């Protein structure tokens, strides 16, 4: 995994030269049975150099509690490894969704990263990783909580944990999907 990280750093830091961009690498067990893939790092992830920390980490802790899984047993990463930002009307640097170009740029690296871990299942959190790995014909609202096989990869799409902040009505659906994934992991460990 260290060779992979070095190759990725050499590639991307040369592309973003002068922009002081930080790569947030995947984190966790490098032979995990489950890989979780988010959208892109946020501010805290960039500062701490680790995916799903800060507010996202709190959401992940709730996820793990519901599922009966432990972070130490997972590998967690993002589709895009560099924080996508914009300037807010108030003049602050804020997160934004990654562009199609950013996703396309990082997708080969994400696929290589997943291949190195060799998980039994890849859990996508939200539309960005779902569409990146399964294709644009899929939307999270249609396939959440279902297993999809794509290019030899078993994918389990879920809503992004942060989506419950904006849409509290999906909280019970999300909880059911989390529990189902935990049960599947225990049955297929």
Protein backbone atom coordinates (compact mmCIF):
# COMPACT_ATOMS: atom_id res chain seq x y z
CA UNK A 1 0.00 0.00 0.00
CA UNK A 2 2.94 2.34 0.66
CA UNK A 3 4.13 2.00 -2.94
CA UNK A 4 0.60 2.86 -4.12
CA UNK A 5 0.52 5.96 -1.91
CA UNK A 6 3.91 7.12 -3.17
CA UNK A 7 2.90 6.64 -6.82
CA UNK A 8 -0.36 8.51 -6.26
CA UNK A 9 1.38 11.36 -4.45
CA UNK A 10 3.97 11.72 -7.22
CA UNK A 11 1.22 11.83 -9.83
CA UNK A 12 -1.24 14.22 -8.18
CA UNK A 13 1.06 16.59 -6.39
CA UNK A 14 2.72 17.34 -9.71
CA UNK A 15 -0.70 18.09 -11.23
CA UNK A 16 -1.63 20.43 -8.40
CA UNK A 17 1.84 21.95 -8.03
CA UNK A 18 1.71 25.33 -6.32
CA UNK A 19 -1.82 24.78 -4.97
CA UNK A 20 -0.71 23.23 -1.66
CA UNK A 21 -3.23 20.39 -1.99
CA UNK A 22 -3.12 17.56 0.52
CA UNK A 23 -3.96 14.02 -0.48
CA UNK A 24 -6.12 12.15 2.01
CA UNK A 25 -5.26 8.48 1.62
CA UNK A 26 -7.46 5.57 2.52
CA UNK A 27 -7.13 4.28 6.06
CA UNK A 28 -7.60 1.00 7.82
CA UNK A 29 -7.01 -2.69 7.46
CA UNK A 30 -5.28 -3.30 4.13
CA UNK A 31 -6.86 -6.76 3.74
CA UNK A 32 -10.30 -5.78 5.03
CA UNK A 33 -13.37 -7.69 3.93
CA UNK A 34 -15.26 -4.39 3.60
CA UNK A 35 -14.12 -1.19 1.91
CA UNK A 36 -16.21 1.92 2.52
CA UNK A 37 -15.99 4.65 -0.12
CA UNK A 38 -17.10 8.23 0.49
CA UNK A 39 -17.22 11.21 -1.84
CA UNK A 40 -14.19 13.38 -1.01
CA UNK A 41 -12.36 14.65 2.06
CA UNK A 42 -13.67 17.66 3.91
CA UNK A 43 -11.82 20.21 6.01
CA UNK A 44 -11.14 17.98 9.03
CA UNK A 45 -10.13 15.04 6.86
CA UNK A 46 -7.61 17.26 5.07
CA UNK A 47 -6.24 18.63 8.36
CA UNK A 48 -5.96 15.20 10.01
CA UNK A 49 -4.99 13.33 6.83
CA UNK A 50 -7.56 10.61 7.44
CA UNK A 51 -11.00 9.90 5.90
CA UNK A 52 -14.17 10.18 7.96
CA UNK A 53 -13.01 12.20 10.96
CA UNK A 54 -14.65 15.26 12.54
CA UNK A 55 -18.40 15.44 11.80
CA UNK A 56 -18.04 12.66 9.25
CA UNK A 57 -16.32 10.57 11.92
CA UNK A 58 -19.25 11.05 14.26
CA UNK A 59 -21.58 9.81 11.52
CA UNK A 60 -19.28 6.84 10.92
CA UNK A 61 -19.25 6.00 14.65
CA UNK A 62 -23.07 5.85 14.62
CA UNK A 63 -22.92 3.67 11.50
CA UNK A 64 -20.47 1.27 13.12
CA UNK A 65 -22.50 1.11 16.33
CA UNK A 66 -25.66 0.18 14.39
CA UNK A 67 -23.91 -2.36 12.17
CA UNK A 68 -21.87 -4.06 14.86
CA UNK A 69 -18.72 -3.48 12.77
CA UNK A 70 -15.49 -1.91 14.02
CA UNK A 71 -13.40 0.71 12.22
CA UNK A 72 -10.21 -1.29 12.83
CA UNK A 73 -11.65 -4.10 10.67
CA UNK A 74 -12.52 -1.85 7.69
CA UNK A 75 -10.69 0.05 4.99
CA UNK A 76 -12.14 3.52 4.45
CA UNK A 77 -11.38 5.81 1.53
CA UNK A 78 -12.88 8.43 -0.78
CA UNK A 79 -13.56 8.59 -4.50
CA UNK A 80 -11.63 11.86 -4.83
CA UNK A 81 -8.56 12.13 -2.59
CA UNK A 82 -8.17 15.93 -2.56
CA UNK A 83 -10.70 18.27 -0.92
CA UNK A 84 -12.87 20.02 -3.55
CA UNK A 85 -13.54 23.58 -2.40
CA UNK A 86 -15.16 26.83 -3.43
CA UNK A 87 -15.40 30.29 -1.91
CA UNK A 88 -18.72 30.92 -0.13
CA UNK A 89 -20.63 34.21 -0.46
CA UNK A 90 -19.18 35.06 2.98
CA UNK A 91 -15.66 34.63 1.57
CA UNK A 92 -14.86 31.36 3.35
CA UNK A 93 -13.41 28.21 1.83
CA UNK A 94 -16.13 25.55 1.88
CA UNK A 95 -16.60 22.04 0.51
CA UNK A 96 -18.24 21.42 -2.84
CA UNK A 97 -19.12 18.21 -4.68
CA UNK A 98 -16.33 16.89 -6.89
CA UNK A 99 -16.65 17.58 -10.61
CA UNK A 100 -16.97 14.82 -13.21
CA UNK A 101 -13.41 15.62 -14.28
CA UNK A 102 -12.08 15.23 -10.73
CA UNK A 103 -13.91 11.92 -10.33
CA UNK A 104 -12.56 10.65 -13.68
CA UNK A 105 -9.05 11.73 -12.68
CA UNK A 106 -9.11 9.80 -9.40
CA UNK A 107 -11.21 6.78 -10.47
CA UNK A 108 -8.34 4.62 -11.77
CA UNK A 109 -6.55 5.17 -8.46
CA UNK A 110 -9.66 4.24 -6.46
CA UNK A 111 -10.06 1.03 -8.46
CA UNK A 112 -6.38 0.18 -7.95
CA UNK A 113 -6.72 0.88 -4.22
CA UNK A 114 -9.75 -1.43 -3.95
CA UNK A 115 -7.90 -4.13 -5.93
CA UNK A 116 -4.98 -3.94 -3.48
CA UNK A 117 -7.29 -4.46 -0.49
CA UNK A 118 -9.31 -7.27 -2.19
CA UNK A 119 -12.51 -6.87 -0.13
CA UNK A 120 -15.54 -9.12 -0.32
CA UNK A 121 -17.75 -6.03 -0.56
CA UNK A 122 -17.45 -2.32 -1.33
CA UNK A 123 -19.94 -0.06 0.47
CA UNK A 124 -20.50 3.19 -1.43
CA UNK A 125 -21.74 6.14 0.62
CA UNK A 126 -23.81 8.42 -1.61
CA UNK A 127 -24.20 8.95 -5.34
CA UNK A 128 -20.63 10.02 -6.16
CA UNK A 129 -18.91 6.71 -5.31
CA UNK A 130 -21.92 4.68 -6.52
CA UNK A 131 -21.89 6.27 -9.97
CA UNK A 132 -18.08 6.17 -10.13
CA UNK A 133 -17.91 2.43 -9.45
CA UNK A 134 -21.23 1.10 -10.79
CA UNK A 135 -22.14 3.57 -13.54
CA UNK A 136 -24.34 6.60 -14.13
CA UNK A 137 -27.45 4.48 -14.62
CA UNK A 138 -27.60 3.90 -10.86
CA UNK A 139 -28.95 6.38 -8.30
CA UNK A 140 -28.79 5.92 -4.57
CA UNK A 141 -32.55 6.39 -4.13
CA UNK A 142 -33.22 3.40 -6.39
CA UNK A 143 -30.55 0.92 -5.25
CA UNK A 144 -29.64 1.71 -1.62
CA UNK A 145 -29.48 -1.39 0.55
CA UNK A 146 -29.19 -3.76 -2.44
CA UNK A 147 -26.15 -5.69 -3.59
CA UNK A 148 -24.94 -4.91 -7.11
CA UNK A 149 -22.29 -6.87 -8.97
CA UNK A 150 -20.24 -4.74 -11.35
CA UNK A 151 -16.97 -5.69 -13.04
CA UNK A 152 -16.37 -8.51 -10.56
CA UNK A 153 -16.97 -6.21 -7.59
CA UNK A 154 -19.81 -6.64 -5.08
CA UNK A 155 -21.13 -3.15 -4.28
CA UNK A 156 -23.52 -2.25 -1.47
CA UNK A 157 -24.83 1.30 -2.03
CA UNK A 158 -25.98 3.38 0.92
CA UNK A 159 -27.01 6.96 1.48
CA UNK A 160 -24.16 9.11 2.70
CA UNK A 161 -24.38 9.49 6.49
CA UNK A 162 -24.46 13.29 6.14
CA UNK A 163 -27.56 13.09 3.94
CA UNK A 164 -29.67 12.53 7.06
CA UNK A 165 -28.85 16.07 8.16
CA UNK A 166 -30.57 17.43 5.05
CA UNK A 167 -33.24 14.77 4.77
CA UNK A 168 -34.19 13.35 8.21
CA UNK A 169 -36.95 11.23 6.63
CA UNK A 170 -34.35 8.71 5.37
CA UNK A 171 -32.92 8.00 8.84
CA UNK A 172 -34.93 4.79 9.35
CA UNK A 173 -34.13 3.60 5.79
CA UNK A 174 -30.45 4.30 6.42
CA UNK A 175 -30.57 2.41 9.72
CA UNK A 176 -32.14 -0.64 8.02
CA UNK A 177 -29.45 -0.59 5.31
CA UNK A 178 -26.69 -0.35 7.92
CA UNK A 179 -28.06 -3.28 9.94
CA UNK A 180 -28.46 -5.37 6.76
CA UNK A 181 -24.81 -4.73 5.81
CA UNK A 182 -23.61 -5.69 9.29
CA UNK A 183 -25.59 -8.93 9.15
CA UNK A 184 -24.24 -9.73 5.70
CA UNK A 185 -20.67 -9.10 6.84
CA UNK A 186 -21.05 -11.43 9.83
CA UNK A 187 -22.57 -14.17 7.61
CA UNK A 188 -19.82 -13.80 4.99
CA UNK A 189 -16.79 -13.16 7.18
